[in-house]
Amino acid sequence: MTRSRARPFLIASLLTASVGFFATASLAQDRAELAVYRNDRHGFSLSYPATRFVALPAASEDGRIFVSQDGNARLLTGALPNIDGKSLRAYRDFVLNESYPGAVVDYAPVRDNWFVVSGTRNGTIFYQRVNFACSGRVIKSWALLYPEAERGLYDRIVEQVARSFRAGDGSCG
């Protein structure tokens, strides 16, 4: 291969390596600076990248809202009583209809005491995990909402939060 033909390949390789390096470095930095949110009242916890999200002042002991530094993404977590006694599937339908009407759902597993709904609505990607605890009397949940254009960054964060989430036992009093 001549020197002039090799140059575009060399430049493309360097650009590809640089993009990969910075994406890996960014993810490594996020992992290095994980913060843990523990809700002692309801017995659940999760970790999140503290360099990306800032906790808003808590309105109650039932949960928290974290907002990305640029304001484009939100991580919400909390627990609430299942005062209507909804079944897991009925609550799933409620979440989809009330929180994400008209969404294109692309992932939605349902198990014995938890479900996930994930998809896109109006340019926003959502991922929500819901656990039923205390024989269905308490609903514990976390959700991450972020712009579709930033999927590459936030999909990795969703995976990290999902791996760290512990529904715990909490108080069933």
N, C-alpha and C. Protein backbone atom coordinates (compact mmCIF):
# COMPACT_ATOMS: atom_id res chain seq x y z
N MET A 1 0.85 -1.16 0.00
CA MET A 1 0.00 0.00 0.00
C MET A 1 0.90 1.23 0.00
N THR A 2 0.57 2.19 -0.81
CA THR A 2 1.40 3.40 -0.88
C THR A 2 1.16 4.26 0.35
N ARG A 3 2.08 5.16 0.56
CA ARG A 3 2.01 6.04 1.72
C ARG A 3 0.75 6.90 1.70
N SER A 4 0.36 7.40 0.52
CA SER A 4 -0.83 8.25 0.42
C SER A 4 -2.10 7.46 0.70
N ARG A 5 -2.13 6.17 0.33
CA ARG A 5 -3.32 5.36 0.60
C ARG A 5 -3.38 4.92 2.06
N ALA A 6 -2.26 4.74 2.68
CA ALA A 6 -2.21 4.29 4.06
C ALA A 6 -2.66 5.39 5.03
N ARG A 7 -2.46 6.64 4.65
CA ARG A 7 -2.76 7.76 5.55
C ARG A 7 -4.24 7.78 5.98
N PRO A 8 -5.24 7.65 5.08
CA PRO A 8 -6.64 7.66 5.54
C PRO A 8 -6.94 6.52 6.51
N PHE A 9 -6.34 5.36 6.28
CA PHE A 9 -6.57 4.24 7.19
C PHE A 9 -5.97 4.52 8.56
N LEU A 10 -4.81 5.12 8.57
CA LEU A 10 -4.15 5.47 9.81
C LEU A 10 -4.98 6.49 10.58
N ILE A 11 -5.46 7.51 9.89
CA ILE A 11 -6.27 8.55 10.53
C ILE A 11 -7.57 7.95 11.07
N ALA A 12 -8.23 7.11 10.26
CA ALA A 12 -9.47 6.47 10.71
C ALA A 12 -9.22 5.60 11.93
N SER A 13 -8.12 4.87 11.94
CA SER A 13 -7.79 4.02 13.09
C SER A 13 -7.55 4.84 14.34
N LEU A 14 -6.84 5.95 14.19
CA LEU A 14 -6.58 6.81 15.33
C LEU A 14 -7.86 7.42 15.87
N LEU A 15 -8.75 7.86 14.98
CA LEU A 15 -10.02 8.42 15.42
C LEU A 15 -10.86 7.39 16.14
N THR A 16 -10.92 6.19 15.59
CA THR A 16 -11.69 5.12 16.23
C THR A 16 -11.12 4.80 17.60
N ALA A 17 -9.81 4.70 17.70
CA ALA A 17 -9.17 4.41 18.98
C ALA A 17 -9.42 5.53 19.97
N SER A 18 -9.37 6.78 19.50
CA SER A 18 -9.60 7.93 20.39
C SER A 18 -11.01 7.92 20.93
N VAL A 19 -12.00 7.70 20.07
CA VAL A 19 -13.39 7.66 20.50
C VAL A 19 -13.58 6.56 21.52
N GLY A 20 -13.04 5.39 21.25
CA GLY A 20 -13.14 4.28 22.19
C GLY A 20 -12.46 4.59 23.51
N PHE A 21 -11.30 5.22 23.45
CA PHE A 21 -10.57 5.57 24.67
C PHE A 21 -11.37 6.54 25.52
N PHE A 22 -11.92 7.61 24.90
CA PHE A 22 -12.65 8.60 25.68
C PHE A 22 -13.95 8.04 26.23
N ALA A 23 -14.63 7.18 25.48
CA ALA A 23 -15.85 6.56 25.99
C ALA A 23 -15.52 5.66 27.18
N THR A 24 -14.44 4.89 27.06
CA THR A 24 -14.02 4.01 28.14
C THR A 24 -13.56 4.83 29.34
N ALA A 25 -12.80 5.88 29.09
CA ALA A 25 -12.33 6.74 30.18
C ALA A 25 -13.50 7.38 30.91
N SER A 26 -14.50 7.84 30.16
CA SER A 26 -15.67 8.46 30.76
C SER A 26 -16.42 7.47 31.64
N LEU A 27 -16.63 6.25 31.13
CA LEU A 27 -17.33 5.22 31.90
C LEU A 27 -16.51 4.84 33.12
N ALA A 28 -15.20 4.72 32.97
CA ALA A 28 -14.34 4.37 34.10
C ALA A 28 -14.41 5.45 35.16
N GLN A 29 -14.43 6.71 34.76
CA GLN A 29 -14.54 7.82 35.71
C GLN A 29 -15.87 7.74 36.45
N ASP A 30 -16.98 7.47 35.72
CA ASP A 30 -18.28 7.36 36.35
C ASP A 30 -18.28 6.23 37.38
N ARG A 31 -17.70 5.08 37.03
CA ARG A 31 -17.65 3.95 37.95
C ARG A 31 -16.81 4.27 39.17
N ALA A 32 -15.73 5.02 38.97
CA ALA A 32 -14.84 5.35 40.08
C ALA A 32 -15.52 6.29 41.07
N GLU A 33 -16.52 7.03 40.64
CA GLU A 33 -17.16 8.01 41.50
C GLU A 33 -18.64 7.68 41.71
N LEU A 34 -18.91 6.41 41.99
CA LEU A 34 -20.28 6.00 42.26
C LEU A 34 -20.68 6.42 43.67
N ALA A 35 -21.88 6.88 43.78
CA ALA A 35 -22.46 7.17 45.09
C ALA A 35 -23.57 6.16 45.32
N VAL A 36 -23.82 5.84 46.54
CA VAL A 36 -24.89 4.90 46.88
C VAL A 36 -26.01 5.66 47.57
N TYR A 37 -27.21 5.46 47.06
CA TYR A 37 -28.40 5.99 47.73
C TYR A 37 -29.05 4.83 48.47
N ARG A 38 -29.17 4.98 49.78
CA ARG A 38 -29.83 3.97 50.60
C ARG A 38 -31.08 4.59 51.22
N ASN A 39 -32.17 3.87 51.07
CA ASN A 39 -33.40 4.31 51.71
C ASN A 39 -33.66 3.35 52.87
N ASP A 40 -33.26 3.79 54.06
CA ASP A 40 -33.38 2.92 55.23
C ASP A 40 -34.84 2.66 55.60
N ARG A 41 -35.68 3.63 55.35
CA ARG A 41 -37.11 3.46 55.69
C ARG A 41 -37.73 2.30 54.93
N HIS A 42 -37.39 2.18 53.64
CA HIS A 42 -38.01 1.14 52.81
C HIS A 42 -37.04 0.02 52.45
N GLY A 43 -35.77 0.13 52.87
CA GLY A 43 -34.82 -0.95 52.72
C GLY A 43 -34.31 -1.22 51.32
N PHE A 44 -34.24 -0.21 50.47
CA PHE A 44 -33.68 -0.43 49.14
C PHE A 44 -32.49 0.47 48.93
N SER A 45 -31.69 0.12 47.92
CA SER A 45 -30.51 0.93 47.59
C SER A 45 -30.17 0.79 46.12
N LEU A 46 -29.40 1.75 45.63
CA LEU A 46 -28.85 1.71 44.28
C LEU A 46 -27.65 2.62 44.23
N SER A 47 -26.80 2.41 43.25
CA SER A 47 -25.66 3.31 43.06
C SER A 47 -25.83 4.03 41.73
N TYR A 48 -25.23 5.22 41.67
CA TYR A 48 -25.34 6.06 40.48
C TYR A 48 -24.05 6.86 40.35
N PRO A 49 -23.72 7.31 39.14
CA PRO A 49 -22.50 8.10 38.96
C PRO A 49 -22.66 9.52 39.52
N ALA A 50 -21.96 9.78 40.60
CA ALA A 50 -22.06 11.07 41.28
C ALA A 50 -21.55 12.23 40.43
N THR A 51 -20.69 11.93 39.47
CA THR A 51 -20.19 12.99 38.59
C THR A 51 -21.24 13.42 37.58
N ARG A 52 -22.24 12.59 37.34
CA ARG A 52 -23.29 12.89 36.35
C ARG A 52 -24.54 13.46 36.98
N PHE A 53 -24.88 13.00 38.20
CA PHE A 53 -26.17 13.34 38.79
C PHE A 53 -26.01 14.07 40.13
N VAL A 54 -26.92 15.02 40.35
CA VAL A 54 -26.99 15.78 41.59
C VAL A 54 -28.34 15.46 42.22
N ALA A 55 -28.34 15.18 43.52
CA ALA A 55 -29.58 14.90 44.23
C ALA A 55 -30.32 16.20 44.51
N LEU A 56 -31.59 16.23 44.18
CA LEU A 56 -32.42 17.37 44.55
C LEU A 56 -32.81 17.22 46.01
N PRO A 57 -33.17 18.32 46.67
CA PRO A 57 -33.61 18.20 48.07
C PRO A 57 -34.78 17.22 48.18
N ALA A 58 -34.73 16.39 49.20
CA ALA A 58 -35.77 15.37 49.38
C ALA A 58 -37.04 16.00 49.93
N ALA A 59 -38.16 15.68 49.29
CA ALA A 59 -39.46 16.17 49.76
C ALA A 59 -40.00 15.26 50.86
N SER A 60 -39.54 13.99 50.87
CA SER A 60 -39.98 13.03 51.89
C SER A 60 -38.90 11.96 52.03
N GLU A 61 -39.11 11.08 52.99
CA GLU A 61 -38.19 9.96 53.20
C GLU A 61 -38.49 8.80 52.26
N ASP A 62 -39.45 8.96 51.39
CA ASP A 62 -39.87 7.86 50.53
C ASP A 62 -39.05 7.71 49.27
N GLY A 63 -38.26 8.71 48.88
CA GLY A 63 -37.47 8.60 47.66
C GLY A 63 -36.66 9.83 47.37
N ARG A 64 -36.04 9.82 46.21
CA ARG A 64 -35.20 10.94 45.77
C ARG A 64 -35.31 11.13 44.27
N ILE A 65 -34.96 12.33 43.85
CA ILE A 65 -34.83 12.66 42.44
C ILE A 65 -33.41 13.16 42.24
N PHE A 66 -32.75 12.62 41.23
CA PHE A 66 -31.40 13.04 40.86
C PHE A 66 -31.49 13.60 39.44
N VAL A 67 -30.81 14.72 39.19
CA VAL A 67 -30.83 15.35 37.88
C VAL A 67 -29.41 15.41 37.35
N SER A 68 -29.26 15.15 36.05
CA SER A 68 -27.93 15.22 35.45
C SER A 68 -27.41 16.64 35.52
N GLN A 69 -26.10 16.78 35.46
CA GLN A 69 -25.46 18.09 35.56
C GLN A 69 -26.01 19.07 34.52
N ASP A 70 -26.34 18.56 33.31
CA ASP A 70 -26.85 19.43 32.26
C ASP A 70 -28.38 19.55 32.27
N GLY A 71 -29.03 18.85 33.18
CA GLY A 71 -30.49 18.93 33.30
C GLY A 71 -31.26 18.10 32.30
N ASN A 72 -30.58 17.31 31.47
CA ASN A 72 -31.25 16.54 30.42
C ASN A 72 -31.78 15.18 30.87
N ALA A 73 -31.28 14.66 31.98
CA ALA A 73 -31.67 13.31 32.42
C ALA A 73 -32.11 13.36 33.88
N ARG A 74 -32.98 12.41 34.23
CA ARG A 74 -33.48 12.30 35.60
C ARG A 74 -33.45 10.85 36.04
N LEU A 75 -33.00 10.66 37.27
CA LEU A 75 -33.05 9.36 37.94
C LEU A 75 -33.98 9.52 39.13
N LEU A 76 -35.05 8.76 39.12
CA LEU A 76 -36.05 8.85 40.19
C LEU A 76 -36.11 7.52 40.91
N THR A 77 -36.19 7.56 42.22
CA THR A 77 -36.31 6.32 42.98
C THR A 77 -37.16 6.56 44.21
N GLY A 78 -37.94 5.55 44.57
CA GLY A 78 -38.78 5.72 45.74
C GLY A 78 -39.64 4.50 46.01
N ALA A 79 -40.43 4.63 47.06
CA ALA A 79 -41.36 3.58 47.46
C ALA A 79 -42.68 4.22 47.85
N LEU A 80 -43.74 3.48 47.65
CA LEU A 80 -45.06 3.98 48.00
C LEU A 80 -45.96 2.81 48.38
N PRO A 81 -46.95 3.08 49.20
CA PRO A 81 -47.88 2.00 49.55
C PRO A 81 -48.80 1.68 48.38
N ASN A 82 -49.13 0.43 48.24
CA ASN A 82 -50.06 -0.01 47.20
C ASN A 82 -51.47 0.08 47.78
N ILE A 83 -51.93 1.31 47.95
CA ILE A 83 -53.20 1.53 48.65
C ILE A 83 -54.41 0.97 47.92
N ASP A 84 -54.31 0.85 46.59
CA ASP A 84 -55.42 0.29 45.81
C ASP A 84 -55.35 -1.22 45.72
N GLY A 85 -54.27 -1.81 46.23
CA GLY A 85 -54.13 -3.27 46.17
C GLY A 85 -54.01 -3.79 44.75
N LYS A 86 -53.40 -3.00 43.87
CA LYS A 86 -53.24 -3.42 42.47
C LYS A 86 -52.34 -4.65 42.38
N SER A 87 -52.65 -5.51 41.43
CA SER A 87 -51.76 -6.63 41.15
C SER A 87 -50.55 -6.09 40.39
N LEU A 88 -49.51 -6.88 40.31
CA LEU A 88 -48.31 -6.47 39.59
C LEU A 88 -48.64 -6.09 38.15
N ARG A 89 -49.40 -6.94 37.47
CA ARG A 89 -49.75 -6.66 36.06
C ARG A 89 -50.65 -5.44 35.92
N ALA A 90 -51.57 -5.25 36.84
CA ALA A 90 -52.45 -4.07 36.80
C ALA A 90 -51.63 -2.80 37.03
N TYR A 91 -50.66 -2.87 37.94
CA TYR A 91 -49.82 -1.70 38.18
C TYR A 91 -48.93 -1.41 36.97
N ARG A 92 -48.45 -2.46 36.33
CA ARG A 92 -47.65 -2.30 35.10
C ARG A 92 -48.48 -1.55 34.04
N ASP A 93 -49.72 -1.98 33.84
CA ASP A 93 -50.60 -1.30 32.88
C ASP A 93 -50.82 0.15 33.28
N PHE A 94 -50.99 0.39 34.58
CA PHE A 94 -51.18 1.75 35.09
C PHE A 94 -49.95 2.61 34.76
N VAL A 95 -48.75 2.09 35.03
CA VAL A 95 -47.52 2.83 34.76
C VAL A 95 -47.41 3.17 33.27
N LEU A 96 -47.65 2.18 32.42
CA LEU A 96 -47.55 2.42 30.98
C LEU A 96 -48.57 3.47 30.51
N ASN A 97 -49.80 3.37 30.99
CA ASN A 97 -50.86 4.29 30.55
C ASN A 97 -50.72 5.69 31.12
N GLU A 98 -50.28 5.79 32.37
CA GLU A 98 -50.21 7.09 33.03
C GLU A 98 -48.87 7.80 32.83
N SER A 99 -47.78 7.06 32.89
CA SER A 99 -46.46 7.69 32.80
C SER A 99 -45.91 7.75 31.39
N TYR A 100 -46.27 6.77 30.55
CA TYR A 100 -45.68 6.69 29.21
C TYR A 100 -46.74 6.44 28.14
N PRO A 101 -47.82 7.23 28.10
CA PRO A 101 -48.85 6.99 27.08
C PRO A 101 -48.29 7.18 25.67
N GLY A 102 -48.63 6.28 24.80
CA GLY A 102 -48.19 6.38 23.41
C GLY A 102 -46.74 5.98 23.17
N ALA A 103 -46.08 5.46 24.20
CA ALA A 103 -44.67 5.09 24.06
C ALA A 103 -44.50 3.84 23.22
N VAL A 104 -43.35 3.75 22.60
CA VAL A 104 -42.94 2.54 21.91
C VAL A 104 -42.12 1.75 22.92
N VAL A 105 -42.68 0.65 23.41
CA VAL A 105 -42.02 -0.17 24.42
C VAL A 105 -41.18 -1.22 23.72
N ASP A 106 -39.90 -1.30 24.11
CA ASP A 106 -39.02 -2.27 23.45
C ASP A 106 -38.48 -3.34 24.40
N TYR A 107 -38.77 -3.20 25.69
CA TYR A 107 -38.32 -4.20 26.67
C TYR A 107 -39.29 -4.17 27.83
N ALA A 108 -39.88 -5.32 28.17
CA ALA A 108 -40.90 -5.31 29.21
C ALA A 108 -41.06 -6.68 29.88
N PRO A 109 -40.01 -7.18 30.53
CA PRO A 109 -40.15 -8.47 31.22
C PRO A 109 -41.01 -8.32 32.49
N VAL A 110 -41.74 -9.38 32.80
CA VAL A 110 -42.54 -9.44 34.02
C VAL A 110 -42.18 -10.73 34.74
N ARG A 111 -41.89 -10.64 36.03
CA ARG A 111 -41.59 -11.82 36.85
C ARG A 111 -42.57 -11.87 38.01
N ASP A 112 -42.34 -12.75 38.96
CA ASP A 112 -43.28 -12.94 40.07
C ASP A 112 -43.54 -11.67 40.88
N ASN A 113 -42.47 -10.92 41.20
CA ASN A 113 -42.66 -9.75 42.05
C ASN A 113 -42.02 -8.48 41.48
N TRP A 114 -41.68 -8.47 40.20
CA TRP A 114 -41.11 -7.27 39.59
C TRP A 114 -41.39 -7.23 38.10
N PHE A 115 -41.24 -6.02 37.55
CA PHE A 115 -41.32 -5.84 36.10
C PHE A 115 -40.44 -4.68 35.70
N VAL A 116 -40.13 -4.63 34.43
CA VAL A 116 -39.40 -3.51 33.82
C VAL A 116 -40.19 -3.05 32.61
N VAL A 117 -40.26 -1.75 32.41
CA VAL A 117 -40.77 -1.20 31.16
C VAL A 117 -39.72 -0.24 30.64
N SER A 118 -39.40 -0.39 29.37
CA SER A 118 -38.40 0.46 28.75
C SER A 118 -38.81 0.75 27.32
N GLY A 119 -38.56 1.97 26.90
CA GLY A 119 -38.91 2.34 25.54
C GLY A 119 -38.64 3.81 25.29
N THR A 120 -39.34 4.34 24.27
CA THR A 120 -39.13 5.72 23.86
C THR A 120 -40.48 6.42 23.73
N ARG A 121 -40.50 7.66 24.19
CA ARG A 121 -41.70 8.50 24.04
C ARG A 121 -41.26 9.93 23.82
N ASN A 122 -41.67 10.49 22.69
CA ASN A 122 -41.37 11.89 22.35
C ASN A 122 -39.88 12.23 22.48
N GLY A 123 -39.02 11.36 21.98
CA GLY A 123 -37.58 11.62 22.00
C GLY A 123 -36.89 11.36 23.33
N THR A 124 -37.64 10.84 24.30
CA THR A 124 -37.08 10.52 25.61
C THR A 124 -37.12 9.01 25.81
N ILE A 125 -35.99 8.47 26.22
CA ILE A 125 -35.91 7.04 26.55
C ILE A 125 -36.20 6.91 28.04
N PHE A 126 -36.94 5.87 28.38
CA PHE A 126 -37.23 5.59 29.78
C PHE A 126 -36.91 4.14 30.08
N TYR A 127 -36.46 3.90 31.28
CA TYR A 127 -36.24 2.55 31.79
C TYR A 127 -36.74 2.60 33.23
N GLN A 128 -37.74 1.79 33.54
CA GLN A 128 -38.29 1.78 34.89
C GLN A 128 -38.38 0.36 35.41
N ARG A 129 -37.85 0.17 36.61
CA ARG A 129 -37.91 -1.13 37.30
C ARG A 129 -38.82 -0.96 38.50
N VAL A 130 -39.77 -1.89 38.66
CA VAL A 130 -40.73 -1.84 39.76
C VAL A 130 -40.70 -3.18 40.48
N ASN A 131 -40.57 -3.13 41.80
CA ASN A 131 -40.63 -4.33 42.64
C ASN A 131 -41.80 -4.22 43.60
N PHE A 132 -42.52 -5.31 43.76
CA PHE A 132 -43.55 -5.39 44.78
C PHE A 132 -42.91 -6.05 46.00
N ALA A 133 -43.13 -5.48 47.17
CA ALA A 133 -42.58 -6.02 48.41
C ALA A 133 -43.71 -6.14 49.43
N CYS A 134 -43.40 -6.80 50.52
CA CYS A 134 -44.35 -6.93 51.63
C CYS A 134 -45.68 -7.50 51.14
N SER A 135 -45.58 -8.60 50.40
CA SER A 135 -46.77 -9.27 49.84
C SER A 135 -47.60 -8.34 48.96
N GLY A 136 -46.93 -7.43 48.26
CA GLY A 136 -47.60 -6.53 47.33
C GLY A 136 -48.13 -5.25 47.95
N ARG A 137 -47.88 -5.03 49.23
CA ARG A 137 -48.38 -3.82 49.90
C ARG A 137 -47.50 -2.61 49.67
N VAL A 138 -46.23 -2.83 49.27
CA VAL A 138 -45.30 -1.73 49.04
C VAL A 138 -44.72 -1.86 47.64
N ILE A 139 -44.65 -0.74 46.93
CA ILE A 139 -44.10 -0.69 45.57
C ILE A 139 -42.80 0.10 45.63
N LYS A 140 -41.71 -0.55 45.22
CA LYS A 140 -40.39 0.11 45.18
C LYS A 140 -40.01 0.23 43.71
N SER A 141 -39.49 1.40 43.35
CA SER A 141 -39.27 1.65 41.93
C SER A 141 -38.09 2.59 41.71
N TRP A 142 -37.47 2.45 40.55
CA TRP A 142 -36.51 3.46 40.09
C TRP A 142 -36.70 3.59 38.59
N ALA A 143 -36.43 4.78 38.09
CA ALA A 143 -36.56 5.05 36.66
C ALA A 143 -35.47 6.01 36.23
N LEU A 144 -34.99 5.81 35.02
CA LEU A 144 -34.04 6.74 34.41
C LEU A 144 -34.65 7.21 33.11
N LEU A 145 -34.74 8.53 32.93
CA LEU A 145 -35.28 9.14 31.72
C LEU A 145 -34.20 10.03 31.12
N TYR A 146 -33.96 9.88 29.82
CA TYR A 146 -32.87 10.62 29.18
C TYR A 146 -33.14 10.80 27.69
N PRO A 147 -32.50 11.80 27.08
CA PRO A 147 -32.73 12.08 25.66
C PRO A 147 -32.24 10.93 24.77
N GLU A 148 -33.02 10.63 23.77
CA GLU A 148 -32.67 9.58 22.81
C GLU A 148 -31.29 9.85 22.19
N ALA A 149 -30.97 11.11 21.98
CA ALA A 149 -29.69 11.48 21.36
C ALA A 149 -28.49 11.13 22.24
N GLU A 150 -28.73 10.89 23.55
CA GLU A 150 -27.64 10.56 24.46
C GLU A 150 -27.68 9.09 24.91
N ARG A 151 -28.29 8.27 24.09
CA ARG A 151 -28.46 6.85 24.40
C ARG A 151 -27.14 6.16 24.71
N GLY A 152 -26.10 6.42 23.95
CA GLY A 152 -24.81 5.76 24.14
C GLY A 152 -24.27 5.94 25.54
N LEU A 153 -24.43 7.12 26.09
CA LEU A 153 -23.95 7.40 27.45
C LEU A 153 -24.88 6.78 28.50
N TYR A 154 -26.16 7.05 28.40
CA TYR A 154 -27.08 6.68 29.46
C TYR A 154 -27.46 5.20 29.46
N ASP A 155 -27.39 4.51 28.34
CA ASP A 155 -27.66 3.07 28.36
C ASP A 155 -26.67 2.36 29.29
N ARG A 156 -25.42 2.79 29.29
CA ARG A 156 -24.42 2.20 30.20
C ARG A 156 -24.76 2.51 31.65
N ILE A 157 -25.28 3.69 31.90
CA ILE A 157 -25.65 4.07 33.26
C ILE A 157 -26.85 3.25 33.72
N VAL A 158 -27.82 3.03 32.83
CA VAL A 158 -28.97 2.18 33.17
C VAL A 158 -28.47 0.80 33.60
N GLU A 159 -27.56 0.24 32.82
CA GLU A 159 -27.02 -1.09 33.15
C GLU A 159 -26.36 -1.10 34.52
N GLN A 160 -25.59 -0.07 34.82
CA GLN A 160 -24.90 0.01 36.10
C GLN A 160 -25.90 0.14 37.25
N VAL A 161 -26.89 1.01 37.12
CA VAL A 161 -27.90 1.19 38.17
C VAL A 161 -28.68 -0.11 38.35
N ALA A 162 -29.05 -0.76 37.26
CA ALA A 162 -29.81 -2.02 37.34
C ALA A 162 -29.02 -3.09 38.09
N ARG A 163 -27.72 -3.18 37.81
CA ARG A 163 -26.89 -4.17 38.51
C ARG A 163 -26.80 -3.87 40.01
N SER A 164 -26.84 -2.60 40.38
CA SER A 164 -26.63 -2.22 41.78
C SER A 164 -27.92 -2.21 42.60
N PHE A 165 -29.07 -2.16 41.96
CA PHE A 165 -30.33 -2.01 42.68
C PHE A 165 -30.60 -3.23 43.57
N ARG A 166 -30.90 -2.94 44.84
CA ARG A 166 -31.29 -3.97 45.79
C ARG A 166 -32.62 -3.54 46.40
N ALA A 167 -33.66 -4.33 46.15
CA ALA A 167 -34.98 -3.98 46.65
C ALA A 167 -35.06 -4.13 48.16
N GLY A 168 -34.29 -5.04 48.73
CA GLY A 168 -34.26 -5.23 50.17
C GLY A 168 -35.60 -5.60 50.77
N ASP A 169 -35.58 -5.81 52.05
CA ASP A 169 -36.81 -6.18 52.77
C ASP A 169 -37.56 -4.95 53.26
N GLY A 170 -36.84 -4.07 53.94
CA GLY A 170 -37.48 -2.86 54.45
C GLY A 170 -38.52 -3.15 55.52
N SER A 171 -39.20 -2.13 55.89
CA SER A 171 -40.22 -2.25 56.92
C SER A 171 -41.56 -2.56 56.27
N CYS A 172 -42.17 -3.64 56.65
CA CYS A 172 -43.47 -4.00 56.10
C CYS A 172 -44.60 -3.62 57.07
N GLY A 173 -44.22 -3.01 58.21
CA GLY A 173 -45.17 -2.65 59.26
C GLY A 173 -46.45 -2.17 58.74
